[in-house]
Amino acid sequence: MSATSYATPVLDCDLLVIGSGAGGLSAAVTAAHLGLKVIVAEK
């Protein structure tokens, strides 16, 4: 699937974390400190 085929708005990041408990936020904070752009998606 190519990026041009998306019919919905597109966001770009380095790491997507799905869930915002300790496991997800630990990964998110660590990745951000390592220079990654991070999005956390919470249901």
ModelCIF file with pLDDT and N, C-alpha, C, O atoms, coordinates in Angstrom:
data_MODEL
#
_entry.id   MODEL 
#
_entity.id                         1 
_entity.type                       polymer 
_entity.pdbx_number_of_molecules   1 
#
_entity_poly.entity_id                      1 
_entity_poly.type                           'polypeptide(L)' 
_entity_poly.nstd_linkage                   no 
_entity_poly.nstd_monomer                   no 
_entity_poly.pdbx_seq_one_letter_code       MSATSYATPVLDCDLLVIGSGAGGLSAAVTAAHLGLKVIVAEK 
_entity_poly.pdbx_seq_one_letter_code_can   MSATSYATPVLDCDLLVIGSGAGGLSAAVTAAHLGLKVIVAEK 
_entity_poly.pdbx_strand_id                 A 
#
loop_
_entity_poly_seq.entity_id 
_entity_poly_seq.num 
_entity_poly_seq.mon_id 
_entity_poly_seq.hetero 
1 1  MET n 
1 2  SER n 
1 3  ALA n 
1 4  THR n 
1 5  SER n 
1 6  TYR n 
1 7  ALA n 
1 8  THR n 
1 9  PRO n 
1 10 VAL n 
1 11 LEU n 
1 12 ASP n 
1 13 CYS n 
1 14 ASP n 
1 15 LEU n 
1 16 LEU n 
1 17 VAL n 
1 18 ILE n 
1 19 GLY n 
1 20 SER n 
1 21 GLY n 
1 22 ALA n 
1 23 GLY n 
1 24 GLY n 
1 25 LEU n 
1 26 SER n 
1 27 ALA n 
1 28 ALA n 
1 29 VAL n 
1 30 THR n 
1 31 ALA n 
1 32 ALA n 
1 33 HIS n 
1 34 LEU n 
1 35 GLY n 
1 36 LEU n 
1 37 LYS n 
1 38 VAL n 
1 39 ILE n 
1 40 VAL n 
1 41 ALA n 
1 42 GLU n 
1 43 LYS n 
#
_struct_asym.id          A 
_struct_asym.entity_id   1 
#
loop_
_ma_qa_metric.id 
_ma_qa_metric.mode 
_ma_qa_metric.name 
_ma_qa_metric.software_group_id 
_ma_qa_metric.type 
1 global pLDDT . pLDDT 
2 local  pLDDT . pLDDT 
#
_ma_qa_metric_global.metric_id      1 
_ma_qa_metric_global.metric_value   89.35 
_ma_qa_metric_global.model_id       1 
_ma_qa_metric_global.ordinal_id     1 
#
loop_
_ma_qa_metric_local.label_asym_id 
_ma_qa_metric_local.label_comp_id 
_ma_qa_metric_local.label_seq_id 
_ma_qa_metric_local.metric_id 
_ma_qa_metric_local.metric_value 
_ma_qa_metric_local.model_id 
_ma_qa_metric_local.ordinal_id 
A MET 1  2 39.00 1 1  
A SER 2  2 38.00 1 2  
A ALA 3  2 40.00 1 3  
A THR 4  2 40.00 1 4  
A SER 5  2 53.00 1 5  
A TYR 6  2 59.00 1 6  
A ALA 7  2 70.00 1 7  
A THR 8  2 83.00 1 8  
A PRO 9  2 93.00 1 9  
A VAL 10 2 95.00 1 10 
A LEU 11 2 97.00 1 11 
A ASP 12 2 98.00 1 12 
A CYS 13 2 98.00 1 13 
A ASP 14 2 98.00 1 14 
A LEU 15 2 98.00 1 15 
A LEU 16 2 98.00 1 16 
A VAL 17 2 98.00 1 17 
A ILE 18 2 98.00 1 18 
A GLY 19 2 98.00 1 19 
A SER 20 2 98.00 1 20 
A GLY 21 2 98.00 1 21 
A ALA 22 2 98.00 1 22 
A GLY 23 2 98.00 1 23 
A GLY 24 2 98.00 1 24 
A LEU 25 2 98.00 1 25 
A SER 26 2 98.00 1 26 
A ALA 27 2 98.00 1 27 
A ALA 28 2 98.00 1 28 
A VAL 29 2 98.00 1 29 
A THR 30 2 98.00 1 30 
A ALA 31 2 98.00 1 31 
A ALA 32 2 98.00 1 32 
A HIS 33 2 98.00 1 33 
A LEU 34 2 98.00 1 34 
A GLY 35 2 98.00 1 35 
A LEU 36 2 98.00 1 36 
A LYS 37 2 98.00 1 37 
A VAL 38 2 98.00 1 38 
A ILE 39 2 98.00 1 39 
A VAL 40 2 98.00 1 40 
A ALA 41 2 98.00 1 41 
A GLU 42 2 98.00 1 42 
A LYS 43 2 97.00 1 43 
#
loop_
_atom_site.group_PDB 
_atom_site.id 
_atom_site.type_symbol 
_atom_site.label_atom_id 
_atom_site.label_alt_id 
_atom_site.label_comp_id 
_atom_site.label_asym_id 
_atom_site.label_entity_id 
_atom_site.label_seq_id 
_atom_site.pdbx_PDB_ins_code 
_atom_site.Cartn_x 
_atom_site.Cartn_y 
_atom_site.Cartn_z 
_atom_site.occupancy 
_atom_site.B_iso_or_equiv 
_atom_site.pdbx_formal_charge 
_atom_site.auth_seq_id 
_atom_site.auth_comp_id 
_atom_site.auth_asym_id 
_atom_site.auth_atom_id 
_atom_site.pdbx_PDB_model_num 
ATOM 1   N N  . MET A 1 1  ? 0.846   -1.180 0.000  1.00 39.00 ? 1  MET A N  1 
ATOM 2   C CA . MET A 1 1  ? 0.000   0.000  0.000  1.00 39.00 ? 1  MET A CA 1 
ATOM 3   C C  . MET A 1 1  ? 0.887   1.238  0.000  1.00 39.00 ? 1  MET A C  1 
ATOM 4   O O  . MET A 1 1  ? 1.783   1.348  0.838  1.00 39.00 ? 1  MET A O  1 
ATOM 5   N N  . SER A 1 2  ? 0.667   2.139  -0.890 1.00 38.00 ? 2  SER A N  1 
ATOM 6   C CA . SER A 1 2  ? 1.492   3.341  -0.992 1.00 38.00 ? 2  SER A CA 1 
ATOM 7   C C  . SER A 1 2  ? 0.859   4.484  -0.237 1.00 38.00 ? 2  SER A C  1 
ATOM 8   O O  . SER A 1 2  ? -0.340  4.475  0.041  1.00 38.00 ? 2  SER A O  1 
ATOM 9   N N  . ALA A 1 3  ? 1.681   5.478  0.095  1.00 40.00 ? 3  ALA A N  1 
ATOM 10  C CA . ALA A 1 3  ? 1.197   6.618  0.862  1.00 40.00 ? 3  ALA A CA 1 
ATOM 11  C C  . ALA A 1 3  ? 0.153   7.392  0.093  1.00 40.00 ? 3  ALA A C  1 
ATOM 12  O O  . ALA A 1 3  ? -0.724  8.004  0.702  1.00 40.00 ? 3  ALA A O  1 
ATOM 13  N N  . THR A 1 4  ? 0.220   7.385  -1.237 1.00 40.00 ? 4  THR A N  1 
ATOM 14  C CA . THR A 1 4  ? -0.717  8.186  -2.035 1.00 40.00 ? 4  THR A CA 1 
ATOM 15  C C  . THR A 1 4  ? -2.109  7.581  -2.070 1.00 40.00 ? 4  THR A C  1 
ATOM 16  O O  . THR A 1 4  ? -3.050  8.234  -2.521 1.00 40.00 ? 4  THR A O  1 
ATOM 17  N N  . SER A 1 5  ? -2.263  6.335  -1.598 1.00 53.00 ? 5  SER A N  1 
ATOM 18  C CA . SER A 1 5  ? -3.573  5.681  -1.670 1.00 53.00 ? 5  SER A CA 1 
ATOM 19  C C  . SER A 1 5  ? -4.457  5.969  -0.475 1.00 53.00 ? 5  SER A C  1 
ATOM 20  O O  . SER A 1 5  ? -5.614  5.550  -0.452 1.00 53.00 ? 5  SER A O  1 
ATOM 21  N N  . TYR A 1 6  ? -3.930  6.687  0.536  1.00 59.00 ? 6  TYR A N  1 
ATOM 22  C CA . TYR A 1 6  ? -4.711  6.929  1.736  1.00 59.00 ? 6  TYR A CA 1 
ATOM 23  C C  . TYR A 1 6  ? -5.770  7.992  1.481  1.00 59.00 ? 6  TYR A C  1 
ATOM 24  O O  . TYR A 1 6  ? -5.465  9.071  0.974  1.00 59.00 ? 6  TYR A O  1 
ATOM 25  N N  . ALA A 1 7  ? -7.026  7.681  1.837  1.00 70.00 ? 7  ALA A N  1 
ATOM 26  C CA . ALA A 1 7  ? -8.122  8.639  1.686  1.00 70.00 ? 7  ALA A CA 1 
ATOM 27  C C  . ALA A 1 7  ? -8.338  9.451  2.955  1.00 70.00 ? 7  ALA A C  1 
ATOM 28  O O  . ALA A 1 7  ? -9.119  10.402 2.954  1.00 70.00 ? 7  ALA A O  1 
ATOM 29  N N  . THR A 1 8  ? -7.664  9.091  4.023  1.00 83.00 ? 8  THR A N  1 
ATOM 30  C CA . THR A 1 8  ? -7.815  9.791  5.303  1.00 83.00 ? 8  THR A CA 1 
ATOM 31  C C  . THR A 1 8  ? -6.632  10.720 5.533  1.00 83.00 ? 8  THR A C  1 
ATOM 32  O O  . THR A 1 8  ? -5.599  10.570 4.880  1.00 83.00 ? 8  THR A O  1 
ATOM 33  N N  . PRO A 1 9  ? -6.761  11.681 6.451  1.00 93.00 ? 9  PRO A N  1 
ATOM 34  C CA . PRO A 1 9  ? -5.614  12.531 6.790  1.00 93.00 ? 9  PRO A CA 1 
ATOM 35  C C  . PRO A 1 9  ? -4.438  11.672 7.228  1.00 93.00 ? 9  PRO A C  1 
ATOM 36  O O  . PRO A 1 9  ? -4.622  10.640 7.873  1.00 93.00 ? 9  PRO A O  1 
ATOM 37  N N  . VAL A 1 10 ? -3.226  12.100 6.876  1.00 95.00 ? 10 VAL A N  1 
ATOM 38  C CA . VAL A 1 10 ? -2.029  11.322 7.156  1.00 95.00 ? 10 VAL A CA 1 
ATOM 39  C C  . VAL A 1 10 ? -1.109  12.086 8.100  1.00 95.00 ? 10 VAL A C  1 
ATOM 40  O O  . VAL A 1 10 ? -0.805  13.258 7.878  1.00 95.00 ? 10 VAL A O  1 
ATOM 41  N N  . LEU A 1 11 ? -0.672  11.405 9.157  1.00 97.00 ? 11 LEU A N  1 
ATOM 42  C CA . LEU A 1 11 ? 0.325   11.947 10.064 1.00 97.00 ? 11 LEU A CA 1 
ATOM 43  C C  . LEU A 1 11 ? 1.578   11.095 9.953  1.00 97.00 ? 11 LEU A C  1 
ATOM 44  O O  . LEU A 1 11 ? 1.501   9.877  9.793  1.00 97.00 ? 11 LEU A O  1 
ATOM 45  N N  . ASP A 1 12 ? 2.721   11.737 10.037 1.00 98.00 ? 12 ASP A N  1 
ATOM 46  C CA . ASP A 1 12 ? 3.984   11.012 9.988  1.00 98.00 ? 12 ASP A CA 1 
ATOM 47  C C  . ASP A 1 12 ? 4.694   11.109 11.328 1.00 98.00 ? 12 ASP A C  1 
ATOM 48  O O  . ASP A 1 12 ? 4.704   12.166 11.959 1.00 98.00 ? 12 ASP A O  1 
ATOM 49  N N  . CYS A 1 13 ? 5.291   9.995  11.761 1.00 98.00 ? 13 CYS A N  1 
ATOM 50  C CA . CYS A 1 13 ? 6.092   9.984  12.974 1.00 98.00 ? 13 CYS A CA 1 
ATOM 51  C C  . CYS A 1 13 ? 7.151   8.903  12.839 1.00 98.00 ? 13 CYS A C  1 
ATOM 52  O O  . CYS A 1 13 ? 7.201   8.186  11.840 1.00 98.00 ? 13 CYS A O  1 
ATOM 53  N N  . ASP A 1 14 ? 7.977   8.799  13.832 1.00 98.00 ? 14 ASP A N  1 
ATOM 54  C CA . ASP A 1 14 ? 8.983   7.734  13.833 1.00 98.00 ? 14 ASP A CA 1 
ATOM 55  C C  . ASP A 1 14 ? 8.467   6.471  14.527 1.00 98.00 ? 14 ASP A C  1 
ATOM 56  O O  . ASP A 1 14 ? 8.727   5.354  14.082 1.00 98.00 ? 14 ASP A O  1 
ATOM 57  N N  . LEU A 1 15 ? 7.726   6.669  15.631 1.00 98.00 ? 15 LEU A N  1 
ATOM 58  C CA . LEU A 1 15 ? 7.224   5.520  16.394 1.00 98.00 ? 15 LEU A CA 1 
ATOM 59  C C  . LEU A 1 15 ? 5.798   5.789  16.826 1.00 98.00 ? 15 LEU A C  1 
ATOM 60  O O  . LEU A 1 15 ? 5.495   6.836  17.397 1.00 98.00 ? 15 LEU A O  1 
ATOM 61  N N  . LEU A 1 16 ? 4.923   4.831  16.548 1.00 98.00 ? 16 LEU A N  1 
ATOM 62  C CA . LEU A 1 16 ? 3.536   4.893  16.997 1.00 98.00 ? 16 LEU A CA 1 
ATOM 63  C C  . LEU A 1 16 ? 3.358   3.901  18.135 1.00 98.00 ? 16 LEU A C  1 
ATOM 64  O O  . LEU A 1 16 ? 3.648   2.714  17.984 1.00 98.00 ? 16 LEU A O  1 
ATOM 65  N N  . VAL A 1 17 ? 2.884   4.384  19.261 1.00 98.00 ? 17 VAL A N  1 
ATOM 66  C CA . VAL A 1 17 ? 2.611   3.536  20.417 1.00 98.00 ? 17 VAL A CA 1 
ATOM 67  C C  . VAL A 1 17 ? 1.105   3.485  20.607 1.00 98.00 ? 17 VAL A C  1 
ATOM 68  O O  . VAL A 1 17 ? 0.454   4.523  20.726 1.00 98.00 ? 17 VAL A O  1 
ATOM 69  N N  . ILE A 1 18 ? 0.555   2.289  20.636 1.00 98.00 ? 18 ILE A N  1 
ATOM 70  C CA . ILE A 1 18 ? -0.891  2.126  20.798 1.00 98.00 ? 18 ILE A CA 1 
ATOM 71  C C  . ILE A 1 18 ? -1.154  1.658  22.217 1.00 98.00 ? 18 ILE A C  1 
ATOM 72  O O  . ILE A 1 18 ? -0.910  0.497  22.548 1.00 98.00 ? 18 ILE A O  1 
ATOM 73  N N  . GLY A 1 19 ? -1.652  2.558  23.058 1.00 98.00 ? 19 GLY A N  1 
ATOM 74  C CA . GLY A 1 19 ? -1.886  2.290  24.466 1.00 98.00 ? 19 GLY A CA 1 
ATOM 75  C C  . GLY A 1 19 ? -1.047  3.200  25.336 1.00 98.00 ? 19 GLY A C  1 
ATOM 76  O O  . GLY A 1 19 ? 0.085   3.530  24.985 1.00 98.00 ? 19 GLY A O  1 
ATOM 77  N N  . SER A 1 20 ? -1.605  3.612  26.485 1.00 98.00 ? 20 SER A N  1 
ATOM 78  C CA . SER A 1 20 ? -0.932  4.628  27.300 1.00 98.00 ? 20 SER A CA 1 
ATOM 79  C C  . SER A 1 20 ? -0.741  4.210  28.752 1.00 98.00 ? 20 SER A C  1 
ATOM 80  O O  . SER A 1 20 ? -0.734  5.055  29.646 1.00 98.00 ? 20 SER A O  1 
ATOM 81  N N  . GLY A 1 21 ? -0.584  2.906  28.991 1.00 98.00 ? 21 GLY A N  1 
ATOM 82  C CA . GLY A 1 21 ? -0.187  2.451  30.313 1.00 98.00 ? 21 GLY A CA 1 
ATOM 83  C C  . GLY A 1 21 ? 1.320   2.532  30.458 1.00 98.00 ? 21 GLY A C  1 
ATOM 84  O O  . GLY A 1 21 ? 1.993   3.174  29.651 1.00 98.00 ? 21 GLY A O  1 
ATOM 85  N N  . ALA A 1 22 ? 1.851   1.882  31.487 1.00 98.00 ? 22 ALA A N  1 
ATOM 86  C CA . ALA A 1 22 ? 3.281   1.975  31.767 1.00 98.00 ? 22 ALA A CA 1 
ATOM 87  C C  . ALA A 1 22 ? 4.123   1.457  30.612 1.00 98.00 ? 22 ALA A C  1 
ATOM 88  O O  . ALA A 1 22 ? 5.119   2.085  30.253 1.00 98.00 ? 22 ALA A O  1 
ATOM 89  N N  . GLY A 1 23 ? 3.747   0.320  30.018 1.00 98.00 ? 23 GLY A N  1 
ATOM 90  C CA . GLY A 1 23 ? 4.537   -0.242 28.937 1.00 98.00 ? 23 GLY A CA 1 
ATOM 91  C C  . GLY A 1 23 ? 4.608   0.682  27.741 1.00 98.00 ? 23 GLY A C  1 
ATOM 92  O O  . GLY A 1 23 ? 5.683   0.896  27.180 1.00 98.00 ? 23 GLY A O  1 
ATOM 93  N N  . GLY A 1 24 ? 3.468   1.234  27.344 1.00 98.00 ? 24 GLY A N  1 
ATOM 94  C CA . GLY A 1 24 ? 3.443   2.137  26.197 1.00 98.00 ? 24 GLY A CA 1 
ATOM 95  C C  . GLY A 1 24 ? 4.172   3.438  26.464 1.00 98.00 ? 24 GLY A C  1 
ATOM 96  O O  . GLY A 1 24 ? 4.950   3.899  25.629 1.00 98.00 ? 24 GLY A O  1 
ATOM 97  N N  . LEU A 1 25 ? 3.926   4.036  27.623 1.00 98.00 ? 25 LEU A N  1 
ATOM 98  C CA . LEU A 1 25 ? 4.556   5.317  27.929 1.00 98.00 ? 25 LEU A CA 1 
ATOM 99  C C  . LEU A 1 25 ? 6.052   5.172  28.171 1.00 98.00 ? 25 LEU A C  1 
ATOM 100 O O  . LEU A 1 25 ? 6.811   6.089  27.856 1.00 98.00 ? 25 LEU A O  1 
ATOM 101 N N  . SER A 1 26 ? 6.496   4.051  28.718 1.00 98.00 ? 26 SER A N  1 
ATOM 102 C CA . SER A 1 26 ? 7.928   3.817  28.862 1.00 98.00 ? 26 SER A CA 1 
ATOM 103 C C  . SER A 1 26 ? 8.600   3.833  27.497 1.00 98.00 ? 26 SER A C  1 
ATOM 104 O O  . SER A 1 26 ? 9.639   4.468  27.317 1.00 98.00 ? 26 SER A O  1 
ATOM 105 N N  . ALA A 1 27 ? 8.004   3.131  26.535 1.00 98.00 ? 27 ALA A N  1 
ATOM 106 C CA . ALA A 1 27 ? 8.554   3.117  25.179 1.00 98.00 ? 27 ALA A CA 1 
ATOM 107 C C  . ALA A 1 27 ? 8.518   4.508  24.563 1.00 98.00 ? 27 ALA A C  1 
ATOM 108 O O  . ALA A 1 27 ? 9.480   4.933  23.923 1.00 98.00 ? 27 ALA A O  1 
ATOM 109 N N  . ALA A 1 28 ? 7.409   5.219  24.755 1.00 98.00 ? 28 ALA A N  1 
ATOM 110 C CA . ALA A 1 28 ? 7.250   6.533  24.149 1.00 98.00 ? 28 ALA A CA 1 
ATOM 111 C C  . ALA A 1 28 ? 8.269   7.528  24.684 1.00 98.00 ? 28 ALA A C  1 
ATOM 112 O O  . ALA A 1 28 ? 8.903   8.245  23.909 1.00 98.00 ? 28 ALA A O  1 
ATOM 113 N N  . VAL A 1 29 ? 8.432   7.578  26.004 1.00 98.00 ? 29 VAL A N  1 
ATOM 114 C CA . VAL A 1 29 ? 9.358   8.538  26.606 1.00 98.00 ? 29 VAL A CA 1 
ATOM 115 C C  . VAL A 1 29 ? 10.795  8.201  26.230 1.00 98.00 ? 29 VAL A C  1 
ATOM 116 O O  . VAL A 1 29 ? 11.580  9.088  25.895 1.00 98.00 ? 29 VAL A O  1 
ATOM 117 N N  . THR A 1 30 ? 11.139  6.915  26.287 1.00 98.00 ? 30 THR A N  1 
ATOM 118 C CA . THR A 1 30 ? 12.496  6.517  25.923 1.00 98.00 ? 30 THR A CA 1 
ATOM 119 C C  . THR A 1 30 ? 12.787  6.880  24.473 1.00 98.00 ? 30 THR A C  1 
ATOM 120 O O  . THR A 1 30 ? 13.841  7.444  24.180 1.00 98.00 ? 30 THR A O  1 
ATOM 121 N N  . ALA A 1 31 ? 11.871  6.567  23.565 1.00 98.00 ? 31 ALA A N  1 
ATOM 122 C CA . ALA A 1 31 ? 12.073  6.860  22.148 1.00 98.00 ? 31 ALA A CA 1 
ATOM 123 C C  . ALA A 1 31 ? 12.221  8.355  21.913 1.00 98.00 ? 31 ALA A C  1 
ATOM 124 O O  . ALA A 1 31 ? 13.058  8.774  21.113 1.00 98.00 ? 31 ALA A O  1 
ATOM 125 N N  . ALA A 1 32 ? 11.427  9.160  22.594 1.00 98.00 ? 32 ALA A N  1 
ATOM 126 C CA . ALA A 1 32 ? 11.528  10.614 22.433 1.00 98.00 ? 32 ALA A CA 1 
ATOM 127 C C  . ALA A 1 32 ? 12.897  11.114 22.873 1.00 98.00 ? 32 ALA A C  1 
ATOM 128 O O  . ALA A 1 32 ? 13.469  12.001 22.239 1.00 98.00 ? 32 ALA A O  1 
ATOM 129 N N  . HIS A 1 33 ? 13.421  10.552 23.950 1.00 98.00 ? 33 HIS A N  1 
ATOM 130 C CA . HIS A 1 33 ? 14.757  10.949 24.408 1.00 98.00 ? 33 HIS A CA 1 
ATOM 131 C C  . HIS A 1 33 ? 15.843  10.472 23.455 1.00 98.00 ? 33 HIS A C  1 
ATOM 132 O O  . HIS A 1 33 ? 16.942  11.026 23.439 1.00 98.00 ? 33 HIS A O  1 
ATOM 133 N N  . LEU A 1 34 ? 15.546  9.450  22.663 1.00 98.00 ? 34 LEU A N  1 
ATOM 134 C CA . LEU A 1 34 ? 16.507  8.972  21.669 1.00 98.00 ? 34 LEU A CA 1 
ATOM 135 C C  . LEU A 1 34 ? 16.371  9.713  20.344 1.00 98.00 ? 34 LEU A C  1 
ATOM 136 O O  . LEU A 1 34 ? 17.018  9.366  19.356 1.00 98.00 ? 34 LEU A O  1 
ATOM 137 N N  . GLY A 1 35 ? 15.524  10.734 20.337 1.00 98.00 ? 35 GLY A N  1 
ATOM 138 C CA . GLY A 1 35 ? 15.400  11.588 19.165 1.00 98.00 ? 35 GLY A CA 1 
ATOM 139 C C  . GLY A 1 35 ? 14.280  11.246 18.221 1.00 98.00 ? 35 GLY A C  1 
ATOM 140 O O  . GLY A 1 35 ? 14.198  11.832 17.142 1.00 98.00 ? 35 GLY A O  1 
ATOM 141 N N  . LEU A 1 36 ? 13.403  10.309 18.582 1.00 98.00 ? 36 LEU A N  1 
ATOM 142 C CA . LEU A 1 36 ? 12.308  9.933  17.691 1.00 98.00 ? 36 LEU A CA 1 
ATOM 143 C C  . LEU A 1 36 ? 11.080  10.814 17.917 1.00 98.00 ? 36 LEU A C  1 
ATOM 144 O O  . LEU A 1 36 ? 10.811  11.265 19.030 1.00 98.00 ? 36 LEU A O  1 
ATOM 145 N N  . LYS A 1 37 ? 10.349  11.045 16.835 1.00 98.00 ? 37 LYS A N  1 
ATOM 146 C CA . LYS A 1 37 ? 9.054   11.708 16.917 1.00 98.00 ? 37 LYS A CA 1 
ATOM 147 C C  . LYS A 1 37 ? 8.011   10.633 17.223 1.00 98.00 ? 37 LYS A C  1 
ATOM 148 O O  . LYS A 1 37 ? 7.885   9.656  16.485 1.00 98.00 ? 37 LYS A O  1 
ATOM 149 N N  . VAL A 1 38 ? 7.260   10.819 18.322 1.00 98.00 ? 38 VAL A N  1 
ATOM 150 C CA . VAL A 1 38 ? 6.404   9.752  18.832 1.00 98.00 ? 38 VAL A CA 1 
ATOM 151 C C  . VAL A 1 38 ? 4.950   10.208 18.929 1.00 98.00 ? 38 VAL A C  1 
ATOM 152 O O  . VAL A 1 38 ? 4.658   11.321 19.365 1.00 98.00 ? 38 VAL A O  1 
ATOM 153 N N  . ILE A 1 39 ? 4.049   9.325  18.513 1.00 98.00 ? 39 ILE A N  1 
ATOM 154 C CA . ILE A 1 39 ? 2.613   9.505  18.719 1.00 98.00 ? 39 ILE A CA 1 
ATOM 155 C C  . ILE A 1 39 ? 2.120   8.349  19.576 1.00 98.00 ? 39 ILE A C  1 
ATOM 156 O O  . ILE A 1 39 ? 2.440   7.191  19.310 1.00 98.00 ? 39 ILE A O  1 
ATOM 157 N N  . VAL A 1 40 ? 1.338   8.668  20.606 1.00 98.00 ? 40 VAL A N  1 
ATOM 158 C CA . VAL A 1 40 ? 0.681   7.657  21.436 1.00 98.00 ? 40 VAL A CA 1 
ATOM 159 C C  . VAL A 1 40 ? -0.812  7.726  21.166 1.00 98.00 ? 40 VAL A C  1 
ATOM 160 O O  . VAL A 1 40 ? -1.420  8.789  21.292 1.00 98.00 ? 40 VAL A O  1 
ATOM 161 N N  . ALA A 1 41 ? -1.405  6.597  20.797 1.00 98.00 ? 41 ALA A N  1 
ATOM 162 C CA . ALA A 1 41 ? -2.843  6.520  20.522 1.00 98.00 ? 41 ALA A CA 1 
ATOM 163 C C  . ALA A 1 41 ? -3.521  5.751  21.647 1.00 98.00 ? 41 ALA A C  1 
ATOM 164 O O  . ALA A 1 41 ? -3.225  4.578  21.874 1.00 98.00 ? 41 ALA A O  1 
ATOM 165 N N  . GLU A 1 42 ? -4.429  6.413  22.348 1.00 98.00 ? 42 GLU A N  1 
ATOM 166 C CA . GLU A 1 42 ? -5.158  5.798  23.447 1.00 98.00 ? 42 GLU A CA 1 
ATOM 167 C C  . GLU A 1 42 ? -6.636  5.665  23.077 1.00 98.00 ? 42 GLU A C  1 
ATOM 168 O O  . GLU A 1 42 ? -7.271  6.624  22.639 1.00 98.00 ? 42 GLU A O  1 
ATOM 169 N N  . LYS A 1 43 ? -7.158  4.479  23.258 1.00 97.00 ? 43 LYS A N  1 
ATOM 170 C CA . LYS A 1 43 ? -8.551  4.190  22.923 1.00 97.00 ? 43 LYS A CA 1 
ATOM 171 C C  . LYS A 1 43 ? -9.539  4.963  23.794 1.00 97.00 ? 43 LYS A C  1 
ATOM 172 O O  . LYS A 1 43 ? -10.751 4.821  23.628 1.00 97.00 ? 43 LYS A O  1 
#
